[in-house]
């Protein structure tokens, strides 16, 4: 097999991150090297990897980028402390290496976060100090800092609201934190910079096959216009996460289910419940799971749960027992006792767990590892995985396409590719509300200077301004209120009521930029109110 190197003149498209331009490429009668179905972490990673190797690549997402699982994580870039306890050492080591690469390639989004583990017996501190020291060793040169043993008084200094009753000692360790949806948008931009075409709100509704039953293309429906496009392709990647089964059954109605969806929920509280820059990790809850309380964008995220469910949804709703479990656990470990009325927002996400051969396993026993499945028709699907290892998963998928003979050999380059927005400057000023934009902050400043009205806040209690809304529309493919308030600005995930109150101002700004009228504004406000109500808890 002949080795080929990316050739910008011959294989890369000269693209802008513009939705109309992306749509124009669907009309071209070209044979794509790779069609990626799904615009979450895995799909976006594949698009970056594939395009950077020089393959003609197009990514199609049925909703918005990171609409599903990829915007609903605990916001951690980590090796997985609990996976080490389960014996998944290779998975932990791989994830720690990927954590280090992301810290280098996306400095504007990556934060070195300190975690405190409180122990309520003497031996707990010794146990976790030894275990997390091994965790540090596995990270090697990419370690974020050494684990430290903490006295009771030091823990109370770090976490003033910790429950001191019977508190014996603790451990402090380092891990990574990020903004998941913002990383997804930056990966989409990076894919385009590498020559890919990416498009949100465009669903794959069918496959084209040859006489031997091999897939040679897809049918895709653009949701705004309803127009159906037919795209020829040498290779097709199914990176749809919890919806993997649906794509596989579209290909073959008799295909077996390969994904077990597990629901995890998070409650968002005011920072007064954890007035610290340190996060809290509770290593063993009443049901043997791990619970995190993490400072994030001026709030505290507490989660997560792990509940097997039967039906997949883009907007899964928390179960009452999940809400009660998190609140009861938080009440045991924090002096302030959070109740339902203190919850600013609740968000739920579904994890695409690889179905085990032993159906009696509980979710906490199912590995977060991943595997690749190739259907008889030739569709390559990624099963399982997590955000931290998205880059490695993408590399493995493209390597698999090469091994199957669908693509000429070309070397993976993503370890060295700087993700869009990465300025490479450290330390990052996390108090600056614009920090997540990285090198794009200059563009936002220009927008404010050229349009003084964009300096207006969208809500009096938050730092988000209209320039961020305009930037989302002009440069980040946002076409609905939800795109802006849920994934570009994150306000829906931080304070659902404030997001509802901000929606009218956001809608008017977007309508002016998109050339929409009052009917569009009314429809958007109605649908966003219905959506945002799902992020509010009834007291």
Protein backbone atom coordinates (compact mmCIF):
# COMPACT_ATOMS: atom_id res chain seq x y z
CA UNK A 1 0.00 0.00 0.00
CA UNK A 2 1.43 3.35 -0.99
CA UNK A 3 2.03 6.01 1.66
CA UNK A 4 0.42 9.32 0.84
CA UNK A 5 0.88 12.70 2.48
CA UNK A 6 -1.76 15.42 2.74
CA UNK A 7 -1.64 17.63 -0.32
CA UNK A 8 -3.52 20.85 0.25
CA UNK A 9 -3.72 21.71 -3.45
CA UNK A 10 -5.24 18.36 -4.47
CA UNK A 11 -7.21 17.03 -1.52
CA UNK A 12 -8.08 19.84 0.85
CA UNK A 13 -11.01 22.11 0.21
CA UNK A 14 -10.55 25.83 0.80
CA UNK A 15 -13.33 26.15 3.39
CA UNK A 16 -14.74 28.69 5.79
CA UNK A 17 -16.74 27.77 8.87
CA UNK A 18 -19.93 28.93 7.24
CA UNK A 19 -23.15 26.93 7.03
CA UNK A 20 -24.22 28.19 3.60
CA UNK A 21 -20.83 27.33 2.17
CA UNK A 22 -21.02 23.87 3.70
CA UNK A 23 -24.42 23.38 2.08
CA UNK A 24 -23.04 24.37 -1.30
CA UNK A 25 -20.62 21.44 -1.17
CA UNK A 26 -23.51 18.99 -0.83
CA UNK A 27 -24.58 19.92 -4.35
CA UNK A 28 -21.24 18.99 -5.86
CA UNK A 29 -21.05 15.60 -7.56
CA UNK A 30 -17.88 14.42 -5.89
CA UNK A 31 -16.97 11.10 -4.32
CA UNK A 32 -16.08 11.75 -0.69
CA UNK A 33 -13.34 9.69 0.89
CA UNK A 34 -15.12 9.72 4.27
CA UNK A 35 -18.65 10.57 5.35
CA UNK A 36 -18.91 10.95 9.14
CA UNK A 37 -22.36 10.58 10.67
CA UNK A 38 -22.58 12.38 14.02
CA UNK A 39 -21.26 15.69 15.31
CA UNK A 40 -20.35 14.79 18.87
CA UNK A 41 -16.90 14.20 20.34
CA UNK A 42 -16.10 11.07 18.32
CA UNK A 43 -17.46 12.27 14.99
CA UNK A 44 -15.73 15.64 15.21
CA UNK A 45 -12.50 13.92 16.18
CA UNK A 46 -12.77 11.65 13.13
CA UNK A 47 -13.42 14.65 10.86
CA UNK A 48 -10.27 16.41 12.15
CA UNK A 49 -8.15 13.27 11.83
CA UNK A 50 -9.45 12.28 8.40
CA UNK A 51 -9.21 15.75 6.86
CA UNK A 52 -5.75 16.37 8.33
CA UNK A 53 -4.49 13.21 6.60
CA UNK A 54 -5.65 14.64 3.29
CA UNK A 55 -8.92 12.73 2.78
CA UNK A 56 -11.98 14.48 1.34
CA UNK A 57 -14.16 14.46 4.43
CA UNK A 58 -17.71 15.56 5.22
CA UNK A 59 -19.46 15.39 8.59
CA UNK A 60 -23.26 15.43 8.95
CA UNK A 61 -25.00 16.08 12.28
CA UNK A 62 -28.78 15.66 12.57
CA UNK A 63 -29.10 18.35 15.26
CA UNK A 64 -26.51 20.84 16.53
CA UNK A 65 -22.91 19.94 17.25
CA UNK A 66 -22.67 18.26 20.69
CA UNK A 67 -26.44 18.41 21.12
CA UNK A 68 -26.43 15.01 22.84
CA UNK A 69 -24.02 13.35 25.25
CA UNK A 70 -21.04 15.51 24.27
CA UNK A 71 -22.42 18.66 25.93
CA UNK A 72 -23.66 16.91 29.09
CA UNK A 73 -20.53 15.55 30.74
CA UNK A 74 -19.15 16.26 34.22
CA UNK A 75 -16.67 18.59 32.43
CA UNK A 76 -13.66 16.46 33.35
CA UNK A 77 -10.69 15.46 31.21
CA UNK A 78 -9.44 12.56 33.27
CA UNK A 79 -7.87 9.15 33.33
CA UNK A 80 -10.69 7.80 35.45
CA UNK A 81 -9.80 7.17 39.08
CA UNK A 82 -12.61 4.67 39.48
CA UNK A 83 -11.54 2.75 36.36
CA UNK A 84 -8.19 2.11 38.02
CA UNK A 85 -10.02 0.56 40.98
CA UNK A 86 -11.78 -1.72 38.46
CA UNK A 87 -8.42 -2.83 37.07
CA UNK A 88 -8.64 -0.94 33.74
CA UNK A 89 -5.01 0.21 33.96
CA UNK A 90 -4.46 0.36 30.19
CA UNK A 91 -7.60 2.50 29.76
CA UNK A 92 -6.44 4.86 32.52
CA UNK A 93 -2.94 5.17 31.07
CA UNK A 94 -4.30 5.90 27.59
CA UNK A 95 -6.71 8.51 28.94
CA UNK A 96 -4.00 10.22 31.00
CA UNK A 97 -1.84 10.54 27.90
CA UNK A 98 -4.76 12.02 25.95
CA UNK A 99 -5.40 14.40 28.84
CA UNK A 100 -1.86 15.68 28.48
CA UNK A 101 -2.22 16.15 24.72
CA UNK A 102 -5.43 18.15 25.14
CA UNK A 103 -3.76 20.34 27.76
CA UNK A 104 -1.18 21.23 25.10
CA UNK A 105 -3.44 21.53 22.07
CA UNK A 106 -6.35 23.44 23.67
CA UNK A 107 -4.80 25.60 26.37
CA UNK A 108 -7.73 28.03 26.23
CA UNK A 109 -10.21 25.36 27.37
CA UNK A 110 -8.13 23.10 29.60
CA UNK A 111 -7.85 23.76 33.32
CA UNK A 112 -5.59 21.95 35.79
CA UNK A 113 -8.15 21.29 38.52
CA UNK A 114 -7.37 20.33 42.13
CA UNK A 115 -9.63 17.69 43.69
CA UNK A 116 -10.03 17.00 47.40
CA UNK A 117 -11.06 13.56 48.64
CA UNK A 118 -12.29 13.74 52.25
CA UNK A 119 -11.82 10.65 54.40
CA UNK A 120 -13.80 9.84 57.48
CA UNK A 121 -11.44 7.18 58.83
CA UNK A 122 -7.67 7.24 59.31
CA UNK A 123 -6.78 4.55 56.79
CA UNK A 124 -8.72 6.20 53.99
CA UNK A 125 -6.05 8.86 53.56
CA UNK A 126 -3.29 6.27 53.29
CA UNK A 127 -5.28 4.16 50.81
CA UNK A 128 -6.08 7.03 48.43
CA UNK A 129 -2.62 8.56 48.73
CA UNK A 130 -1.05 5.32 47.52
CA UNK A 131 -3.64 4.74 44.78
CA UNK A 132 -3.50 8.29 43.41
CA UNK A 133 0.30 8.32 43.51
CA UNK A 134 0.13 5.39 41.08
CA UNK A 135 -2.34 7.49 39.04
CA UNK A 136 0.32 10.23 38.87
CA UNK A 137 3.01 7.75 37.84
CA UNK A 138 0.83 6.42 35.01
CA UNK A 139 0.65 9.97 33.61
CA UNK A 140 4.46 10.13 33.38
CA UNK A 141 5.78 13.42 31.98
CA UNK A 142 2.21 14.57 31.34
CA UNK A 143 1.35 14.56 35.05
CA UNK A 144 -0.50 17.66 36.26
CA UNK A 145 0.98 17.56 39.75
CA UNK A 146 1.72 15.21 42.64
CA UNK A 147 -0.89 13.83 45.01
CA UNK A 148 -0.70 15.22 48.55
CA UNK A 149 -1.89 13.94 51.92
CA UNK A 150 -4.10 16.50 53.71
CA UNK A 151 -4.81 17.03 57.39
CA UNK A 152 -8.33 17.76 58.61
CA UNK A 153 -7.54 21.44 59.11
CA UNK A 154 -6.11 21.79 55.59
CA UNK A 155 -9.21 20.22 54.09
CA UNK A 156 -11.42 22.68 55.99
CA UNK A 157 -9.25 25.52 54.66
CA UNK A 158 -9.58 24.26 51.07
CA UNK A 159 -13.29 23.36 51.34
CA UNK A 160 -14.83 25.67 54.00
CA UNK A 161 -18.27 24.08 53.58
CA UNK A 162 -17.15 20.48 54.10
CA UNK A 163 -18.96 18.54 56.83
CA UNK A 164 -16.35 18.31 59.65
CA UNK A 165 -18.15 15.63 61.66
CA UNK A 166 -15.78 12.63 62.00
CA UNK A 167 -13.57 14.05 59.22
CA UNK A 168 -10.15 12.43 59.66
CA UNK A 169 -7.91 13.42 56.76
CA UNK A 170 -7.89 13.64 53.00
CA UNK A 171 -5.99 13.64 49.74
CA UNK A 172 -5.50 16.30 47.07
CA UNK A 173 -4.86 15.23 43.49
CA UNK A 174 -4.83 16.92 40.08
CA UNK A 175 -6.97 16.25 37.03
CA UNK A 176 -8.28 18.14 34.02
CA UNK A 177 -11.40 20.21 33.48
CA UNK A 178 -12.85 21.70 30.28
CA UNK A 179 -15.96 23.07 28.58
CA UNK A 180 -17.27 20.17 26.52
CA UNK A 181 -19.59 21.97 24.10
CA UNK A 182 -17.03 24.72 23.46
CA UNK A 183 -14.42 22.10 22.62
CA UNK A 184 -16.88 20.49 20.22
CA UNK A 185 -17.37 23.79 18.37
CA UNK A 186 -13.63 24.33 18.21
CA UNK A 187 -13.11 20.82 16.84
CA UNK A 188 -15.67 21.50 14.13
CA UNK A 189 -13.76 24.68 13.24
CA UNK A 190 -10.48 22.76 13.29
CA UNK A 191 -11.90 20.14 10.95
CA UNK A 192 -12.84 22.87 8.48
CA UNK A 193 -9.39 24.43 8.77
CA UNK A 194 -7.96 21.02 7.86
CA UNK A 195 -10.16 20.89 4.75
CA UNK A 196 -13.32 19.09 5.93
CA UNK A 197 -16.93 20.08 5.33
CA UNK A 198 -19.10 20.01 8.45
CA UNK A 199 -22.82 20.64 8.68
CA UNK A 200 -25.29 20.68 11.55
CA UNK A 201 -29.06 20.09 11.21
CA UNK A 202 -28.57 17.63 8.36
CA UNK A 203 -29.78 14.06 8.97
CA UNK A 204 -28.67 10.89 7.24
CA UNK A 205 -31.97 9.22 6.28
CA UNK A 206 -30.76 6.32 4.15
CA UNK A 207 -27.89 4.52 2.43
CA UNK A 208 -27.07 3.76 -1.19
CA UNK A 209 -25.65 0.29 -1.81
CA UNK A 210 -24.10 -1.50 -4.77
CA UNK A 211 -25.15 -4.90 -6.14
CA UNK A 212 -23.06 -6.70 -3.50
CA UNK A 213 -24.81 -4.85 -0.69
CA UNK A 214 -21.86 -2.61 0.12
CA UNK A 215 -22.65 0.96 1.12
CA UNK A 216 -21.38 3.48 -1.42
CA UNK A 217 -23.19 6.60 -0.28
CA UNK A 218 -25.78 8.27 1.93
CA UNK A 219 -28.98 10.24 1.58
CA UNK A 220 -29.03 13.33 3.76
CA UNK A 221 -31.90 15.69 4.53
CA UNK A 222 -31.19 19.30 5.42
CA UNK A 223 -33.69 20.29 8.12
CA UNK A 224 -34.06 23.99 7.32
CA UNK A 225 -35.16 23.47 3.72
CA UNK A 226 -36.16 19.79 3.65
CA UNK A 227 -33.92 19.24 0.60
CA UNK A 228 -32.52 15.71 0.25
CA UNK A 229 -28.97 15.25 -1.04
CA UNK A 230 -27.23 12.09 -2.29
CA UNK A 231 -23.55 11.81 -1.44
CA UNK A 232 -21.16 9.18 -2.80
CA UNK A 233 -18.42 7.98 -0.45
CA UNK A 234 -15.61 5.41 -0.21
CA UNK A 235 -16.05 5.06 3.56
CA UNK A 236 -18.81 5.79 6.05
CA UNK A 237 -18.28 6.22 9.79
CA UNK A 238 -21.12 5.85 12.28
CA UNK A 239 -20.20 8.06 15.24
CA UNK A 240 -23.65 8.67 16.66
CA UNK A 241 -23.07 7.61 20.25
CA UNK A 242 -26.22 6.38 21.96
CA UNK A 243 -27.99 6.43 18.59
CA UNK A 244 -25.52 3.98 17.05
CA UNK A 245 -28.11 1.21 17.07
CA UNK A 246 -30.52 3.32 15.00
CA UNK A 247 -27.96 3.87 12.23
CA UNK A 248 -26.99 0.20 12.26
CA UNK A 249 -30.63 -0.82 11.96
CA UNK A 250 -31.13 1.67 9.13
CA UNK A 251 -28.36 -0.23 7.40
CA UNK A 252 -29.65 -3.67 8.46
CA UNK A 253 -32.99 -4.02 10.29
CA UNK A 254 -31.80 -7.35 11.75
CA UNK A 255 -28.65 -5.96 13.36
CA UNK A 256 -28.22 -6.62 17.08
CA UNK A 257 -28.06 -3.85 19.64
CA UNK A 258 -24.47 -2.96 20.49
CA UNK A 259 -25.10 -0.01 22.81
CA UNK A 260 -26.52 0.06 26.32
CA UNK A 261 -27.57 3.65 27.16
CA UNK A 262 -26.87 4.75 30.71
CA UNK A 263 -28.21 8.04 32.06
CA UNK A 264 -26.18 10.43 34.15
CA UNK A 265 -27.61 13.61 35.62
CA UNK A 266 -26.02 16.73 37.10
CA UNK A 267 -27.42 19.38 39.41
CA UNK A 268 -26.10 22.94 39.22
CA UNK A 269 -25.94 24.99 42.42
CA UNK A 270 -24.81 28.44 43.44
CA UNK A 271 -21.09 28.62 44.22
CA UNK A 272 -21.87 29.43 47.87
CA UNK A 273 -22.30 25.69 48.42
CA UNK A 274 -18.64 25.17 47.42
CA UNK A 275 -16.86 28.53 47.78
CA UNK A 276 -13.51 27.23 46.61
CA UNK A 277 -11.40 26.77 43.51
CA UNK A 278 -10.94 23.15 44.62
CA UNK A 279 -13.33 20.40 43.51
CA UNK A 280 -14.71 17.73 45.81
CA UNK A 281 -14.59 14.03 44.93
CA UNK A 282 -16.61 11.62 47.05
CA UNK A 283 -15.04 8.24 46.23
CA UNK A 284 -17.73 5.96 47.59
CA UNK A 285 -21.36 6.96 47.87
CA UNK A 286 -24.17 4.93 49.44
CA UNK A 287 -24.43 2.80 46.28
CA UNK A 288 -20.68 2.48 45.77
CA UNK A 289 -20.32 5.08 43.03
CA UNK A 290 -18.20 8.23 42.68
CA UNK A 291 -19.74 11.71 43.02
CA UNK A 292 -18.11 15.00 42.03
CA UNK A 293 -18.80 18.58 43.08
CA UNK A 294 -16.89 20.76 40.62
CA UNK A 295 -16.64 24.56 40.33
CA UNK A 296 -17.47 25.55 36.73
CA UNK A 297 -18.20 28.96 35.20
CA UNK A 298 -19.08 30.46 38.57
CA UNK A 299 -21.39 27.63 39.63
CA UNK A 300 -21.01 24.18 41.17
CA UNK A 301 -21.87 21.05 39.19
CA UNK A 302 -22.74 17.99 41.29
CA UNK A 303 -23.02 14.57 39.72
CA UNK A 304 -23.27 12.10 38.31
CA UNK A 305 -25.64 9.14 38.38
CA UNK A 306 -25.45 5.94 36.36
CA UNK A 307 -28.86 4.50 35.50
CA UNK A 308 -29.59 2.03 32.73
CA UNK A 309 -32.50 3.18 30.57
CA UNK A 310 -34.45 1.66 27.70
CA UNK A 311 -35.19 4.60 25.40
CA UNK A 312 -32.73 7.12 23.94
CA UNK A 313 -33.61 10.79 23.69
CA UNK A 314 -31.81 14.01 22.80
CA UNK A 315 -33.41 15.58 25.88
CA UNK A 316 -33.46 12.85 28.54
CA UNK A 317 -35.23 13.86 31.74
CA UNK A 318 -33.85 13.15 35.22
CA UNK A 319 -35.56 10.51 37.32
CA UNK A 320 -36.76 11.55 40.75
CA UNK A 321 -34.57 8.93 42.42
CA UNK A 322 -31.51 10.37 40.65
CA UNK A 323 -32.29 13.88 41.90
CA UNK A 324 -32.87 12.61 45.44
CA UNK A 325 -29.66 10.58 45.39
CA UNK A 326 -27.47 13.56 44.47
CA UNK A 327 -29.14 15.92 46.93
CA UNK A 328 -28.99 13.42 49.80
CA UNK A 329 -25.32 12.70 49.14
CA UNK A 330 -24.47 16.42 48.92
CA UNK A 331 -26.34 17.05 52.16
CA UNK A 332 -24.18 14.48 53.97
CA UNK A 333 -20.88 15.99 52.87
CA UNK A 334 -21.65 19.73 52.82
CA UNK A 335 -22.53 22.01 55.73
CA UNK A 336 -25.04 23.84 53.57
CA UNK A 337 -27.82 21.39 52.82
CA UNK A 338 -28.90 21.94 49.19
CA UNK A 339 -32.55 21.31 48.38
CA UNK A 340 -34.57 21.31 45.18
CA UNK A 341 -35.19 25.06 45.41
CA UNK A 342 -31.42 25.67 45.31
CA UNK A 343 -30.96 23.91 41.96
CA UNK A 344 -30.28 26.43 39.20
CA UNK A 345 -30.38 23.82 36.45
CA UNK A 346 -30.47 20.08 35.97
CA UNK A 347 -29.13 18.40 32.85
CA UNK A 348 -29.15 14.78 31.82
CA UNK A 349 -26.97 12.91 29.38
CA UNK A 350 -26.81 9.39 28.01
CA UNK A 351 -23.58 7.41 27.93
CA UNK A 352 -23.08 5.02 25.00
CA UNK A 353 -21.82 2.00 26.93
CA UNK A 354 -20.62 -0.95 24.90
CA UNK A 355 -23.02 -3.82 25.58
CA UNK A 356 -21.26 -6.55 27.63
CA UNK A 357 -21.54 -10.24 26.86
CA UNK A 358 -22.62 -10.71 30.48
CA UNK A 359 -25.99 -8.97 30.68
CA UNK A 360 -26.02 -9.23 34.50
CA UNK A 361 -23.34 -6.57 34.88
CA UNK A 362 -24.27 -3.26 36.48
CA UNK A 363 -23.31 0.02 34.81
CA UNK A 364 -20.48 0.67 37.25
CA UNK A 365 -18.89 -2.63 36.18
CA UNK A 366 -19.11 -1.95 32.44
CA UNK A 367 -15.82 -0.60 31.08
CA UNK A 368 -15.71 2.86 29.49
CA UNK A 369 -13.40 1.41 26.86
CA UNK A 370 -14.39 1.48 23.20
CA UNK A 371 -14.46 -0.86 20.25
CA UNK A 372 -14.93 -0.67 16.50
CA UNK A 373 -17.55 -2.68 14.64
CA UNK A 374 -17.64 -3.16 10.86
CA UNK A 375 -21.01 -4.12 9.38
CA UNK A 376 -21.42 -6.48 6.43
CA UNK A 377 -22.20 -3.46 4.26
CA UNK A 378 -18.92 -1.82 5.26
CA UNK A 379 -20.10 0.87 7.69
CA UNK A 380 -17.58 1.41 10.49
CA UNK A 381 -19.13 2.18 13.90
CA UNK A 382 -17.47 3.31 17.10
CA UNK A 383 -18.98 1.78 20.23
CA UNK A 384 -18.47 3.24 23.72
CA UNK A 385 -15.67 5.59 24.72
CA UNK A 386 -15.56 8.98 26.47
CA UNK A 387 -14.59 12.61 25.81
CA UNK A 388 -11.05 12.31 27.15
CA UNK A 389 -10.06 9.70 24.57
CA UNK A 390 -11.90 11.20 21.58
CA UNK A 391 -8.66 11.87 19.66
CA UNK A 392 -7.32 8.35 20.10
CA UNK A 393 -10.66 6.84 19.14
CA UNK A 394 -10.69 8.93 15.96
CA UNK A 395 -7.17 7.82 15.09
CA UNK A 396 -8.18 4.18 15.51
CA UNK A 397 -11.22 4.60 13.27
CA UNK A 398 -9.27 6.19 10.41
CA UNK A 399 -6.54 3.55 10.79
CA UNK A 400 -9.28 0.92 10.54
CA UNK A 401 -10.56 2.45 7.29
CA UNK A 402 -7.02 2.22 5.92
CA UNK A 403 -6.66 -1.40 7.09
CA UNK A 404 -9.95 -2.25 5.35
CA UNK A 405 -8.54 -0.87 2.09
CA UNK A 406 -11.05 1.97 1.88
CA UNK A 407 -8.36 4.66 2.03
CA UNK A 408 -4.73 5.00 0.96
CA UNK A 409 -2.21 4.96 3.78
CA UNK A 410 -1.59 8.31 5.45
CA UNK A 411 -0.10 9.03 8.86
CA UNK A 412 -2.11 10.43 11.79
CA UNK A 413 -1.14 14.01 12.66
CA UNK A 414 -3.61 14.98 15.39
CA UNK A 415 -1.19 14.70 18.30
CA UNK A 416 0.47 17.86 17.00
CA UNK A 417 -2.53 19.75 15.59
CA UNK A 418 -3.46 22.85 17.56
CA UNK A 419 -7.22 23.03 18.11
CA UNK A 420 -8.99 26.19 16.93
CA UNK A 421 -8.77 28.91 19.57
CA UNK A 422 -5.58 27.56 21.11
CA UNK A 423 -3.32 30.51 21.80
CA UNK A 424 -0.67 28.42 23.53
CA UNK A 425 -0.51 31.07 26.23
CA UNK A 426 -0.45 30.01 29.88
CA UNK A 427 -1.65 30.65 32.46
CA UNK A 428 -5.18 31.33 31.25
CA UNK A 429 -7.17 34.03 33.05
CA UNK A 430 -10.22 31.97 34.02
CA UNK A 431 -11.85 35.05 35.58
CA UNK A 432 -12.20 36.57 32.10
CA UNK A 433 -15.66 35.58 30.75
CA UNK A 434 -14.16 35.50 27.24
CA UNK A 435 -11.41 33.02 28.09
CA UNK A 436 -13.13 30.10 26.31
CA UNK A 437 -12.70 31.91 22.98
CA UNK A 438 -8.91 31.84 23.18
CA UNK A 439 -7.38 33.40 20.08
CA UNK A 440 -10.86 34.43 18.87
CA UNK A 441 -11.09 37.09 21.59
CA UNK A 442 -9.68 39.63 19.13
CA UNK A 443 -12.60 39.04 16.76
CA UNK A 444 -15.08 39.55 19.59
CA UNK A 445 -13.36 42.78 20.57
CA UNK A 446 -13.65 43.97 16.97
CA UNK A 447 -17.37 43.12 16.94
CA UNK A 448 -17.91 45.25 20.04
CA UNK A 449 -15.99 48.19 18.62
CA UNK A 450 -17.79 48.11 15.28
CA UNK A 451 -21.20 47.54 16.91
CA UNK A 452 -21.43 49.34 20.27
CA UNK A 453 -24.89 47.83 20.86
CA UNK A 454 -23.23 44.41 21.15
CA UNK A 455 -21.73 45.46 24.50
CA UNK A 456 -25.15 45.06 26.12
CA UNK A 457 -25.53 42.14 28.53
CA UNK A 458 -28.15 39.54 27.71
CA UNK A 459 -28.90 39.15 31.44
CA UNK A 460 -28.01 41.51 34.31
CA UNK A 461 -26.59 38.75 36.52
CA UNK A 462 -24.21 37.24 33.94
CA UNK A 463 -21.27 38.47 31.87
CA UNK A 464 -22.60 37.18 28.53
CA UNK A 465 -23.06 39.98 25.98
CA UNK A 466 -24.65 40.38 22.57
CA UNK A 467 -21.26 40.24 20.87
CA UNK A 468 -21.12 36.57 21.91
CA UNK A 469 -24.52 35.99 20.33
CA UNK A 470 -23.42 37.69 17.11
CA UNK A 471 -20.18 35.70 17.11
CA UNK A 472 -22.14 32.44 17.51
CA UNK A 473 -24.28 33.28 14.47
CA UNK A 474 -21.53 34.70 12.27
CA UNK A 475 -18.70 32.30 13.08
CA UNK A 476 -20.08 29.24 14.90
CA UNK A 477 -23.06 28.00 12.81
CA UNK A 478 -25.68 28.81 15.47
CA UNK A 479 -29.14 29.01 13.86
CA UNK A 480 -31.47 28.51 16.84
CA UNK A 481 -31.78 30.17 20.26
CA UNK A 482 -30.98 26.81 21.83
CA UNK A 483 -27.66 26.63 19.95
CA UNK A 484 -26.58 29.90 21.54
CA UNK A 485 -27.93 29.61 25.08
CA UNK A 486 -27.22 25.89 25.56
CA UNK A 487 -23.93 25.21 23.77
CA UNK A 488 -22.23 28.45 22.65
CA UNK A 489 -22.77 30.39 25.91
CA UNK A 490 -23.76 27.52 28.30
CA UNK A 491 -26.31 29.66 30.22
CA UNK A 492 -29.07 27.04 29.95
CA UNK A 493 -26.78 24.56 31.72
CA UNK A 494 -25.87 27.07 34.43
CA UNK A 495 -29.15 28.84 35.20
CA UNK A 496 -32.23 27.73 33.28
CA UNK A 497 -34.44 30.57 34.55
CA UNK A 498 -31.87 33.19 33.54
CA UNK A 499 -31.65 31.52 30.11
CA UNK A 500 -35.43 31.86 29.73
CA UNK A 501 -35.24 35.53 30.68
CA UNK A 502 -32.41 36.09 28.18
CA UNK A 503 -34.14 34.38 25.27
CA UNK A 504 -36.14 37.39 23.90
CA UNK A 505 -33.04 39.59 23.63
CA UNK A 506 -31.07 36.75 22.03
CA UNK A 507 -33.90 36.00 19.59
CA UNK A 508 -34.09 39.60 18.34
CA UNK A 509 -30.32 39.77 17.84
CA UNK A 510 -30.28 36.47 15.97
CA UNK A 511 -33.28 37.41 13.82
CA UNK A 512 -31.54 40.58 12.67
CA UNK A 513 -28.41 38.65 11.74
CA UNK A 514 -30.24 35.74 10.05
CA UNK A 515 -32.80 37.90 8.26
CA UNK A 516 -35.74 36.37 10.10
CA UNK A 517 -39.10 37.92 11.00
CA UNK A 518 -41.45 38.05 13.96
CA UNK A 519 -42.94 34.63 13.23
CA UNK A 520 -39.48 33.06 13.55
CA UNK A 521 -38.89 34.90 16.83
CA UNK A 522 -42.24 33.74 18.24
CA UNK A 523 -41.64 30.12 17.20
CA UNK A 524 -38.13 30.11 18.62
CA UNK A 525 -39.23 31.59 21.94
CA UNK A 526 -42.02 29.08 22.29
CA UNK A 527 -39.80 26.07 21.52
CA UNK A 528 -37.01 27.34 23.77
CA UNK A 529 -39.39 27.85 26.69
CA UNK A 530 -40.62 24.28 26.29
CA UNK A 531 -37.03 23.03 26.17
CA UNK A 532 -35.69 25.12 29.06
CA UNK A 533 -38.53 24.04 31.35
CA UNK A 534 -36.92 20.58 31.29
CA UNK A 535 -33.82 22.07 32.92
CA UNK A 536 -35.82 23.45 35.88
CA UNK A 537 -36.77 21.42 38.94
CA UNK A 538 -40.27 21.66 40.32
CA UNK A 539 -40.12 22.36 44.04
